[in-house]
Amino acid sequence: MSVIIDENAGFCFGVVKAIAAAEERLEKTHQLYCLGDIVHNNVEVARLSHLGLQVIDHRQMEQLPGSTVLIRAHGEPPETYDQAHRLGISLIDATCPIVLALQKKIREGYEEMKSVGGQVVIFGKQGHAEVIGLNGQTQNSAIIVSSPDDIDAIDIRRPIRLYSQTTKSREEYNQLIANIEKRIADQHLPQSDFVAFNTICSRVANRAKQLEQFARSVDRLIFVSGINSSNGHYLFEYCRKVQPETRMISSAEELDRQWLQGAQCIGITGATSTPRWLMEQIKLQIES
């Protein structure tokens, strides 16, 4: 039996940047507040909590005037910055540069649509941290669409500017665009009123293709991900279509030894929110 770890697996750049910022601060102060889980991986969150990282929400932030708070890679709406300023809180802003650029783009689209009676539409998971931050750029007026078929909330007769959460499926986003274009054509409306922006992170989009090759090269695939990772669930389902013998776990304790029996080659991969050290730990557990 051989056990191999996907060479392309591990944290994306934005998560690496956020965790490095947290570790740097914790090394000096041994305490830091983070607004929400720094990454959607419970094992990594537990590791950082042992170093002194404390997860808080906006309500708890009200009780911490003058403190220092980390903004994670997912980003935050403008209201959070206003709240921090009011409370005299110092922010360590670790928002992913790709998310920051998307926030700016949506803000510009919102101003454009406001002047012509149009609408901003965001393809994303309702309630997801990144989507909350993106919607905040529109004063929370954007239409959130979670499925390619979920377009009844969009008024096709009004101008549309469409954006996607950075970690969504490119295939589903393209299908949503096609569905909107078809409805516009069916109602004989001008296509020029509809503009869709390519805002999916290339790291996420390229991961699907990389994963397909890796999944085909093994006869058992262990997908490591936190249960709250949107990116993790998408990539796991993608892997399972390619390699039916795929299982998702979040820690080494969840390994099923019986399922591994008879395997010639076991592959280990994960979401862009899965730490490399956790995959190494799982590999050692299997080999032992």
C-alpha atoms as a PDB file:
ATOM      1  CA  MET A   1       0.000   0.000   0.000  1.00  0.00           C
ATOM      2  CA  SER A   2       1.235   3.497  -0.832  1.00  0.00           C
ATOM      3  CA  VAL A   3      -0.071   6.753   0.656  1.00  0.00           C
ATOM      4  CA  ILE A   4       0.434  10.016  -1.231  1.00  0.00           C
ATOM      5  CA  ILE A   5      -0.542  13.599  -0.471  1.00  0.00           C
ATOM      6  CA  ASP A   6      -1.759  15.824  -3.298  1.00  0.00           C
ATOM      7  CA  GLU A   7       1.144  18.210  -3.982  1.00  0.00           C
ATOM      8  CA  ASN A   8      -1.300  21.021  -4.805  1.00  0.00           C
ATOM      9  CA  ALA A   9      -3.302  20.660  -1.574  1.00  0.00           C
ATOM     10  CA  GLY A  10      -3.075  23.073   1.327  1.00  0.00           C
ATOM     11  CA  PHE A  11      -4.002  26.602   2.305  1.00  0.00           C
ATOM     12  CA  CYS A  12      -4.676  29.205  -0.358  1.00  0.00           C
ATOM     13  CA  PHE A  13      -2.646  32.431  -0.316  1.00  0.00           C
ATOM     14  CA  GLY A  14      -5.313  34.419   1.521  1.00  0.00           C
ATOM     15  CA  VAL A  15      -5.537  31.934   4.403  1.00  0.00           C
ATOM     16  CA  VAL A  16      -1.732  31.654   4.639  1.00  0.00           C
ATOM     17  CA  LYS A  17      -1.548  35.449   4.935  1.00  0.00           C
ATOM     18  CA  ALA A  18      -4.201  35.590   7.668  1.00  0.00           C
ATOM     19  CA  ILE A  19      -2.683  32.795   9.746  1.00  0.00           C
ATOM     20  CA  ALA A  20       0.809  34.288   9.428  1.00  0.00           C
ATOM     21  CA  ALA A  21      -0.540  37.630  10.681  1.00  0.00           C
ATOM     22  CA  ALA A  22      -2.182  35.894  13.646  1.00  0.00           C
ATOM     23  CA  GLU A  23       0.917  33.877  14.529  1.00  0.00           C
ATOM     24  CA  GLU A  24       3.154  36.934  14.322  1.00  0.00           C
ATOM     25  CA  ARG A  25       0.939  38.845  16.751  1.00  0.00           C
ATOM     26  CA  LEU A  26       0.485  35.862  19.100  1.00  0.00           C
ATOM     27  CA  GLU A  27       4.233  35.342  19.319  1.00  0.00           C
ATOM     28  CA  LYS A  28       4.506  38.825  20.821  1.00  0.00           C
ATOM     29  CA  THR A  29       1.350  39.118  22.934  1.00  0.00           C
ATOM     30  CA  HIS A  30       0.038  35.525  23.386  1.00  0.00           C
ATOM     31  CA  GLN A  31      -3.493  36.902  22.959  1.00  0.00           C
ATOM     32  CA  LEU A  32      -5.466  38.085  19.956  1.00  0.00           C
ATOM     33  CA  TYR A  33      -9.157  38.392  19.095  1.00  0.00           C
ATOM     34  CA  CYS A  34     -10.381  37.201  15.706  1.00  0.00           C
ATOM     35  CA  LEU A  35     -13.741  38.185  14.239  1.00  0.00           C
ATOM     36  CA  GLY A  36     -15.148  34.768  13.330  1.00  0.00           C
ATOM     37  CA  ASP A  37     -13.198  31.550  12.700  1.00  0.00           C
ATOM     38  CA  ILE A  38      -9.931  32.470  11.004  1.00  0.00           C
ATOM     39  CA  VAL A  39     -10.419  29.512   8.665  1.00  0.00           C
ATOM     40  CA  HIS A  40     -13.251  27.012   8.181  1.00  0.00           C
ATOM     41  CA  ASN A  41     -11.245  24.171   9.672  1.00  0.00           C
ATOM     42  CA  ASN A  42     -11.958  23.197  13.281  1.00  0.00           C
ATOM     43  CA  VAL A  43      -8.586  21.505  13.831  1.00  0.00           C
ATOM     44  CA  GLU A  44      -6.579  24.543  12.727  1.00  0.00           C
ATOM     45  CA  VAL A  45      -8.827  26.844  14.778  1.00  0.00           C
ATOM     46  CA  ALA A  46      -8.135  24.638  17.831  1.00  0.00           C
ATOM     47  CA  ARG A  47      -4.372  24.813  17.211  1.00  0.00           C
ATOM     48  CA  LEU A  48      -4.421  28.601  17.090  1.00  0.00           C
ATOM     49  CA  SER A  49      -6.675  28.839  20.143  1.00  0.00           C
ATOM     50  CA  HIS A  50      -3.963  27.046  22.133  1.00  0.00           C
ATOM     51  CA  LEU A  51      -1.609  29.847  21.086  1.00  0.00           C
ATOM     52  CA  GLY A  52      -4.049  32.459  22.406  1.00  0.00           C
ATOM     53  CA  LEU A  53      -6.352  33.245  19.484  1.00  0.00           C
ATOM     54  CA  GLN A  54      -9.881  33.931  20.712  1.00  0.00           C
ATOM     55  CA  VAL A  55     -12.803  33.894  18.284  1.00  0.00           C
ATOM     56  CA  ILE A  56     -15.402  36.621  18.857  1.00  0.00           C
ATOM     57  CA  ASP A  57     -18.473  37.980  17.072  1.00  0.00           C
ATOM     58  CA  HIS A  58     -19.651  41.562  16.483  1.00  0.00           C
ATOM     59  CA  ARG A  59     -21.683  41.585  19.693  1.00  0.00           C
ATOM     60  CA  GLN A  60     -18.651  40.599  21.766  1.00  0.00           C
ATOM     61  CA  MET A  61     -16.570  43.227  20.008  1.00  0.00           C
ATOM     62  CA  GLU A  62     -18.714  45.855  21.729  1.00  0.00           C
ATOM     63  CA  GLN A  63     -17.246  44.680  25.052  1.00  0.00           C
ATOM     64  CA  LEU A  64     -13.624  45.050  23.912  1.00  0.00           C
ATOM     65  CA  PRO A  65     -12.943  48.785  23.405  1.00  0.00           C
ATOM     66  CA  GLY A  66      -9.290  49.623  22.802  1.00  0.00           C
ATOM     67  CA  SER A  67      -8.336  46.031  21.983  1.00  0.00           C
ATOM     68  CA  THR A  68      -6.779  44.541  18.822  1.00  0.00           C
ATOM     69  CA  VAL A  69      -8.922  42.447  16.472  1.00  0.00           C
ATOM     70  CA  LEU A  70      -7.973  40.418  13.397  1.00  0.00           C
ATOM     71  CA  ILE A  71     -10.152  40.529  10.299  1.00  0.00           C
ATOM     72  CA  ARG A  72      -9.826  37.172   8.543  1.00  0.00           C
ATOM     73  CA  ALA A  73      -9.328  36.490   4.824  1.00  0.00           C
ATOM     74  CA  HIS A  74     -13.103  36.417   4.128  1.00  0.00           C
ATOM     75  CA  GLY A  75     -13.334  40.190   4.653  1.00  0.00           C
ATOM     76  CA  GLU A  76     -15.913  42.323   6.426  1.00  0.00           C
ATOM     77  CA  PRO A  77     -18.611  44.872   5.464  1.00  0.00           C
ATOM     78  CA  PRO A  78     -17.986  48.625   5.975  1.00  0.00           C
ATOM     79  CA  GLU A  79     -20.075  48.560   9.169  1.00  0.00           C
ATOM     80  CA  THR A  80     -17.377  46.511  10.917  1.00  0.00           C
ATOM     81  CA  TYR A  81     -14.733  49.166  10.253  1.00  0.00           C
ATOM     82  CA  ASP A  82     -17.127  51.827  11.540  1.00  0.00           C
ATOM     83  CA  GLN A  83     -17.740  49.782  14.679  1.00  0.00           C
ATOM     84  CA  ALA A  84     -13.992  49.334  15.298  1.00  0.00           C
ATOM     85  CA  HIS A  85     -13.362  53.070  14.829  1.00  0.00           C
ATOM     86  CA  ARG A  86     -16.137  53.926  17.282  1.00  0.00           C
ATOM     87  CA  LEU A  87     -14.707  51.561  19.903  1.00  0.00           C
ATOM     88  CA  GLY A  88     -11.069  52.574  19.404  1.00  0.00           C
ATOM     89  CA  ILE A  89     -10.214  49.036  18.283  1.00  0.00           C
ATOM     90  CA  SER A  90      -7.002  48.446  16.314  1.00  0.00           C
ATOM     91  CA  LEU A  91      -7.591  46.179  13.331  1.00  0.00           C
ATOM     92  CA  ILE A  92      -5.172  43.711  11.793  1.00  0.00           C
ATOM     93  CA  ASP A  93      -6.774  43.486   8.356  1.00  0.00           C
ATOM     94  CA  ALA A  94      -5.941  40.127   6.780  1.00  0.00           C
ATOM     95  CA  THR A  95      -8.658  40.298   4.107  1.00  0.00           C
ATOM     96  CA  CYS A  96      -7.542  38.322   1.051  1.00  0.00           C
ATOM     97  CA  PRO A  97      -6.358  40.736  -1.692  1.00  0.00           C
ATOM     98  CA  ILE A  98      -8.639  38.969  -4.178  1.00  0.00           C
ATOM     99  CA  VAL A  99     -11.638  39.529  -1.904  1.00  0.00           C
ATOM    100  CA  LEU A 100     -10.625  43.165  -1.369  1.00  0.00           C
ATOM    101  CA  ALA A 101     -10.511  43.718  -5.129  1.00  0.00           C
ATOM    102  CA  LEU A 102     -13.956  42.117  -5.481  1.00  0.00           C
ATOM    103  CA  GLN A 103     -15.394  44.326  -2.732  1.00  0.00           C
ATOM    104  CA  LYS A 104     -14.152  47.389  -4.610  1.00  0.00           C
ATOM    105  CA  LYS A 105     -15.615  46.106  -7.879  1.00  0.00           C
ATOM    106  CA  ILE A 106     -19.008  45.475  -6.286  1.00  0.00           C
ATOM    107  CA  ARG A 107     -18.972  48.920  -4.646  1.00  0.00           C
ATOM    108  CA  GLU A 108     -18.420  50.497  -8.078  1.00  0.00           C
ATOM    109  CA  GLY A 109     -21.139  48.314  -9.616  1.00  0.00           C
ATOM    110  CA  TYR A 110     -23.545  49.299  -6.872  1.00  0.00           C
ATOM    111  CA  GLU A 111     -22.986  53.021  -7.526  1.00  0.00           C
ATOM    112  CA  GLU A 112     -23.497  52.447 -11.253  1.00  0.00           C
ATOM    113  CA  MET A 113     -26.718  50.463 -10.754  1.00  0.00           C
ATOM    114  CA  LYS A 114     -28.071  52.942  -8.222  1.00  0.00           C
ATOM    115  CA  SER A 115     -27.871  55.695 -10.832  1.00  0.00           C
ATOM    116  CA  VAL A 116     -29.843  53.736 -13.449  1.00  0.00           C
ATOM    117  CA  GLY A 117     -32.311  51.815 -11.270  1.00  0.00           C
ATOM    118  CA  GLY A 118     -30.427  48.547 -11.732  1.00  0.00           C
ATOM    119  CA  GLN A 119     -29.491  45.726  -9.357  1.00  0.00           C
ATOM    120  CA  VAL A 120     -26.382  43.990  -8.055  1.00  0.00           C
ATOM    121  CA  VAL A 121     -26.611  40.193  -7.954  1.00  0.00           C
ATOM    122  CA  ILE A 122     -24.129  38.033  -6.032  1.00  0.00           C
ATOM    123  CA  PHE A 123     -23.824  34.307  -6.672  1.00  0.00           C
ATOM    124  CA  GLY A 124     -22.897  32.891  -3.286  1.00  0.00           C
ATOM    125  CA  LYS A 125     -23.883  31.046  -0.146  1.00  0.00           C
ATOM    126  CA  GLN A 126     -26.422  32.959   1.924  1.00  0.00           C
ATOM    127  CA  GLY A 127     -24.889  33.846   5.299  1.00  0.00           C
ATOM    128  CA  HIS A 128     -21.321  33.021   4.263  1.00  0.00           C
ATOM    129  CA  ALA A 129     -18.757  35.402   5.786  1.00  0.00           C
ATOM    130  CA  GLU A 130     -17.418  36.533   2.414  1.00  0.00           C
ATOM    131  CA  VAL A 131     -20.909  37.116   1.022  1.00  0.00           C
ATOM    132  CA  ILE A 132     -21.853  39.221   4.057  1.00  0.00           C
ATOM    133  CA  GLY A 133     -18.799  41.393   3.391  1.00  0.00           C
ATOM    134  CA  LEU A 134     -19.609  41.666  -0.315  1.00  0.00           C
ATOM    135  CA  ASN A 135     -23.256  42.534   0.286  1.00  0.00           C
ATOM    136  CA  GLY A 136     -22.130  45.214   2.714  1.00  0.00           C
ATOM    137  CA  GLN A 137     -20.600  47.099  -0.201  1.00  0.00           C
ATOM    138  CA  THR A 138     -24.153  47.603  -1.530  1.00  0.00           C
ATOM    139  CA  GLN A 139     -25.649  48.708   1.794  1.00  0.00           C
ATOM    140  CA  ASN A 140     -27.009  45.145   2.001  1.00  0.00           C
ATOM    141  CA  SER A 141     -29.230  45.649  -1.040  1.00  0.00           C
ATOM    142  CA  ALA A 142     -27.728  42.977  -3.334  1.00  0.00           C
ATOM    143  CA  ILE A 143     -29.738  39.972  -4.481  1.00  0.00           C
ATOM    144  CA  ILE A 144     -28.036  36.767  -3.256  1.00  0.00           C
ATOM    145  CA  VAL A 145     -28.441  33.805  -5.596  1.00  0.00           C
ATOM    146  CA  SER A 146     -27.243  30.402  -4.373  1.00  0.00           C
ATOM    147  CA  SER A 147     -28.125  28.182  -7.348  1.00  0.00           C
ATOM    148  CA  PRO A 148     -28.011  28.515 -11.166  1.00  0.00           C
ATOM    149  CA  ASP A 149     -31.771  27.891 -11.229  1.00  0.00           C
ATOM    150  CA  ASP A 150     -32.557  30.378  -8.466  1.00  0.00           C
ATOM    151  CA  ILE A 151     -33.160  33.445 -10.643  1.00  0.00           C
ATOM    152  CA  ASP A 152     -36.793  34.317  -9.954  1.00  0.00           C
ATOM    153  CA  ALA A 153     -35.646  36.931  -7.431  1.00  0.00           C
ATOM    154  CA  ILE A 154     -33.917  38.845 -10.251  1.00  0.00           C
ATOM    155  CA  ASP A 155     -35.934  41.450 -12.137  1.00  0.00           C
ATOM    156  CA  ILE A 156     -34.823  40.736 -15.707  1.00  0.00           C
ATOM    157  CA  ARG A 157     -36.350  44.027 -16.907  1.00  0.00           C
ATOM    158  CA  ARG A 158     -33.819  46.057 -14.913  1.00  0.00           C
ATOM    159  CA  PRO A 159     -30.045  46.350 -15.560  1.00  0.00           C
ATOM    160  CA  ILE A 160     -27.983  43.657 -13.818  1.00  0.00           C
ATOM    161  CA  ARG A 161     -24.387  43.486 -12.624  1.00  0.00           C
ATOM    162  CA  LEU A 162     -23.517  39.924 -11.616  1.00  0.00           C
ATOM    163  CA  TYR A 163     -20.609  38.840  -9.368  1.00  0.00           C
ATOM    164  CA  SER A 164     -19.638  35.564  -7.734  1.00  0.00           C
ATOM    165  CA  GLN A 165     -18.289  34.663  -4.314  1.00  0.00           C
ATOM    166  CA  THR A 166     -14.624  33.825  -4.948  1.00  0.00           C
ATOM    167  CA  THR A 167     -14.925  30.165  -3.889  1.00  0.00           C
ATOM    168  CA  LYS A 168     -17.981  29.121  -5.904  1.00  0.00           C
ATOM    169  CA  SER A 169     -18.044  26.563  -8.715  1.00  0.00           C
ATOM    170  CA  ARG A 170     -17.131  28.049 -12.094  1.00  0.00           C
ATOM    171  CA  GLU A 171     -19.375  25.527 -13.838  1.00  0.00           C
ATOM    172  CA  GLU A 172     -22.398  26.580 -11.783  1.00  0.00           C
ATOM    173  CA  TYR A 173     -21.590  30.261 -12.258  1.00  0.00           C
ATOM    174  CA  ASN A 174     -21.414  29.815 -16.040  1.00  0.00           C
ATOM    175  CA  GLN A 175     -24.756  27.983 -15.931  1.00  0.00           C
ATOM    176  CA  LEU A 176     -26.300  30.863 -13.969  1.00  0.00           C
ATOM    177  CA  ILE A 177     -25.039  33.342 -16.571  1.00  0.00           C
ATOM    178  CA  ALA A 178     -26.501  31.192 -19.369  1.00  0.00           C
ATOM    179  CA  ASN A 179     -29.862  30.956 -17.569  1.00  0.00           C
ATOM    180  CA  ILE A 180     -30.075  34.733 -17.127  1.00  0.00           C
ATOM    181  CA  GLU A 181     -29.106  35.361 -20.756  1.00  0.00           C
ATOM    182  CA  LYS A 182     -31.773  32.910 -21.942  1.00  0.00           C
ATOM    183  CA  ARG A 183     -34.477  34.586 -19.884  1.00  0.00           C
ATOM    184  CA  ILE A 184     -33.435  38.006 -21.212  1.00  0.00           C
ATOM    185  CA  ALA A 185     -33.567  36.663 -24.783  1.00  0.00           C
ATOM    186  CA  ASP A 186     -36.968  35.008 -24.212  1.00  0.00           C
ATOM    187  CA  GLN A 187     -38.372  38.375 -23.129  1.00  0.00           C
ATOM    188  CA  HIS A 188     -36.674  40.216 -26.033  1.00  0.00           C
ATOM    189  CA  LEU A 189     -34.752  42.526 -23.700  1.00  0.00           C
ATOM    190  CA  PRO A 190     -31.355  44.147 -24.461  1.00  0.00           C
ATOM    191  CA  GLN A 191     -28.447  41.880 -23.493  1.00  0.00           C
ATOM    192  CA  SER A 192     -26.284  44.972 -22.960  1.00  0.00           C
ATOM    193  CA  ASP A 193     -28.108  45.646 -19.675  1.00  0.00           C
ATOM    194  CA  PHE A 194     -26.615  42.451 -18.249  1.00  0.00           C
ATOM    195  CA  VAL A 195     -22.911  42.292 -17.349  1.00  0.00           C
ATOM    196  CA  ALA A 196     -21.337  39.305 -15.558  1.00  0.00           C
ATOM    197  CA  PHE A 197     -17.883  39.632 -14.001  1.00  0.00           C
ATOM    198  CA  ASN A 198     -15.326  36.833 -13.688  1.00  0.00           C
ATOM    199  CA  THR A 199     -14.690  36.990  -9.931  1.00  0.00           C
ATOM    200  CA  ILE A 200     -14.010  33.352  -8.995  1.00  0.00           C
ATOM    201  CA  CYS A 201     -10.525  32.877  -7.537  1.00  0.00           C
ATOM    202  CA  SER A 202      -8.278  31.195 -10.108  1.00  0.00           C
ATOM    203  CA  ARG A 203      -6.773  29.051  -7.338  1.00  0.00           C
ATOM    204  CA  VAL A 204     -10.219  27.566  -6.637  1.00  0.00           C
ATOM    205  CA  ALA A 205     -11.105  27.202 -10.320  1.00  0.00           C
ATOM    206  CA  ASN A 206      -7.812  25.480 -11.136  1.00  0.00           C
ATOM    207  CA  ARG A 207      -8.066  23.169  -8.113  1.00  0.00           C
ATOM    208  CA  ALA A 208     -10.948  21.283  -9.703  1.00  0.00           C
ATOM    209  CA  LYS A 209      -8.846  20.324 -12.732  1.00  0.00           C
ATOM    210  CA  GLN A 210      -5.847  19.419 -10.554  1.00  0.00           C
ATOM    211  CA  LEU A 211      -8.059  17.321  -8.296  1.00  0.00           C
ATOM    212  CA  GLU A 212      -9.528  15.414 -11.218  1.00  0.00           C
ATOM    213  CA  GLN A 213      -6.072  14.181 -12.253  1.00  0.00           C
ATOM    214  CA  PHE A 214      -5.114  13.305  -8.676  1.00  0.00           C
ATOM    215  CA  ALA A 215      -8.416  11.522  -7.946  1.00  0.00           C
ATOM    216  CA  ARG A 216      -8.013   9.307 -11.020  1.00  0.00           C
ATOM    217  CA  SER A 217      -4.496   8.293  -9.945  1.00  0.00           C
ATOM    218  CA  VAL A 218      -5.565   6.582  -6.681  1.00  0.00           C
ATOM    219  CA  ASP A 219      -8.045   3.842  -5.748  1.00  0.00           C
ATOM    220  CA  ARG A 220      -9.074   5.431  -2.416  1.00  0.00           C
ATOM    221  CA  LEU A 221      -9.272   9.163  -1.830  1.00  0.00           C
ATOM    222  CA  ILE A 222      -9.446  10.834   1.580  1.00  0.00           C
ATOM    223  CA  PHE A 223     -10.704  14.397   1.388  1.00  0.00           C
ATOM    224  CA  VAL A 224      -9.798  16.414   4.478  1.00  0.00           C
ATOM    225  CA  SER A 225     -11.965  19.425   5.240  1.00  0.00           C
ATOM    226  CA  GLY A 226     -13.723  21.313   7.992  1.00  0.00           C
ATOM    227  CA  ILE A 227     -17.469  20.660   7.996  1.00  0.00           C
ATOM    228  CA  ASN A 228     -18.189  24.403   7.599  1.00  0.00           C
ATOM    229  CA  SER A 229     -16.001  24.900   4.524  1.00  0.00           C
ATOM    230  CA  SER A 230     -18.066  25.901   1.473  1.00  0.00           C
ATOM    231  CA  ASN A 231     -15.056  25.329  -0.757  1.00  0.00           C
ATOM    232  CA  GLY A 232     -14.480  21.946   0.893  1.00  0.00           C
ATOM    233  CA  HIS A 233     -17.978  20.630   0.184  1.00  0.00           C
ATOM    234  CA  TYR A 234     -17.800  21.770  -3.442  1.00  0.00           C
ATOM    235  CA  LEU A 235     -14.401  20.154  -4.072  1.00  0.00           C
ATOM    236  CA  PHE A 236     -15.360  16.978  -2.191  1.00  0.00           C
ATOM    237  CA  GLU A 237     -18.435  16.470  -4.380  1.00  0.00           C
ATOM    238  CA  TYR A 238     -16.293  17.131  -7.454  1.00  0.00           C
ATOM    239  CA  CYS A 239     -13.801  14.460  -6.333  1.00  0.00           C
ATOM    240  CA  ARG A 240     -16.553  11.941  -5.652  1.00  0.00           C
ATOM    241  CA  LYS A 241     -17.871  12.280  -9.202  1.00  0.00           C
ATOM    242  CA  VAL A 242     -14.416  11.397 -10.539  1.00  0.00           C
ATOM    243  CA  GLN A 243     -13.463   8.831  -7.876  1.00  0.00           C
ATOM    244  CA  PRO A 244     -16.504   7.192  -6.198  1.00  0.00           C
ATOM    245  CA  GLU A 245     -14.204   5.757  -3.502  1.00  0.00           C
ATOM    246  CA  THR A 246     -13.853   9.152  -1.828  1.00  0.00           C
ATOM    247  CA  ARG A 247     -14.518   9.891   1.844  1.00  0.00           C
ATOM    248  CA  MET A 248     -14.503  13.213   3.717  1.00  0.00           C
ATOM    249  CA  ILE A 249     -12.993  13.473   7.189  1.00  0.00           C
ATOM    250  CA  SER A 250     -11.962  16.417   9.355  1.00  0.00           C
ATOM    251  CA  SER A 251      -9.355  14.690  11.556  1.00  0.00           C
ATOM    252  CA  ALA A 252      -7.224  11.537  11.797  1.00  0.00           C
ATOM    253  CA  GLU A 253      -9.609  10.145  14.451  1.00  0.00           C
ATOM    254  CA  GLU A 254     -12.325   9.794  11.788  1.00  0.00           C
ATOM    255  CA  LEU A 255     -10.323   7.331   9.654  1.00  0.00           C
ATOM    256  CA  ASP A 256     -12.197   4.109   8.839  1.00  0.00           C
ATOM    257  CA  ARG A 257      -9.650   1.289   8.807  1.00  0.00           C
ATOM    258  CA  GLN A 258     -12.030  -1.198   7.209  1.00  0.00           C
ATOM    259  CA  TRP A 259     -12.636   1.136   4.267  1.00  0.00           C
ATOM    260  CA  LEU A 260      -8.867   1.364   3.677  1.00  0.00           C
ATOM    261  CA  GLN A 261      -8.348  -2.411   3.554  1.00  0.00           C
ATOM    262  CA  GLY A 262      -7.357  -3.760   0.163  1.00  0.00           C
ATOM    263  CA  ALA A 263      -6.338  -0.373  -1.226  1.00  0.00           C
ATOM    264  CA  GLN A 264      -3.197  -0.281  -3.343  1.00  0.00           C
ATOM    265  CA  CYS A 265      -2.847   3.495  -3.446  1.00  0.00           C
ATOM    266  CA  ILE A 266      -4.471   5.927  -1.007  1.00  0.00           C
ATOM    267  CA  GLY A 267      -4.559   9.609  -1.874  1.00  0.00           C
ATOM    268  CA  ILE A 268      -4.981  12.467   0.594  1.00  0.00           C
ATOM    269  CA  THR A 269      -6.141  15.907  -0.440  1.00  0.00           C
ATOM    270  CA  GLY A 270      -8.250  18.736   0.944  1.00  0.00           C
ATOM    271  CA  ALA A 271      -9.907  22.121   0.683  1.00  0.00           C
ATOM    272  CA  THR A 272      -8.077  25.437   0.363  1.00  0.00           C
ATOM    273  CA  SER A 273      -8.834  25.824   4.083  1.00  0.00           C
ATOM    274  CA  THR A 274      -7.145  22.534   5.065  1.00  0.00           C
ATOM    275  CA  PRO A 275      -3.682  22.778   6.690  1.00  0.00           C
ATOM    276  CA  ARG A 276      -0.875  20.731   5.176  1.00  0.00           C
ATOM    277  CA  TRP A 277       0.240  19.530   8.615  1.00  0.00           C
ATOM    278  CA  LEU A 278      -3.146  17.871   9.161  1.00  0.00           C
ATOM    279  CA  MET A 279      -2.849  15.886   5.915  1.00  0.00           C
ATOM    280  CA  GLU A 280       0.683  14.828   6.958  1.00  0.00           C
ATOM    281  CA  GLN A 281      -0.708  13.683  10.309  1.00  0.00           C
ATOM    282  CA  ILE A 282      -3.390  11.596   8.590  1.00  0.00           C
ATOM    283  CA  LYS A 283      -0.779  10.032   6.307  1.00  0.00           C
ATOM    284  CA  LEU A 284       1.311   8.992   9.340  1.00  0.00           C
ATOM    285  CA  GLN A 285      -1.797   7.557  11.006  1.00  0.00           C
ATOM    286  CA  ILE A 286      -2.535   5.369   7.968  1.00  0.00           C
ATOM    287  CA  GLU A 287       1.063   4.210   7.622  1.00  0.00           C
ATOM    288  CA  SER A 288       1.229   3.280  11.303  1.00  0.00           C
END
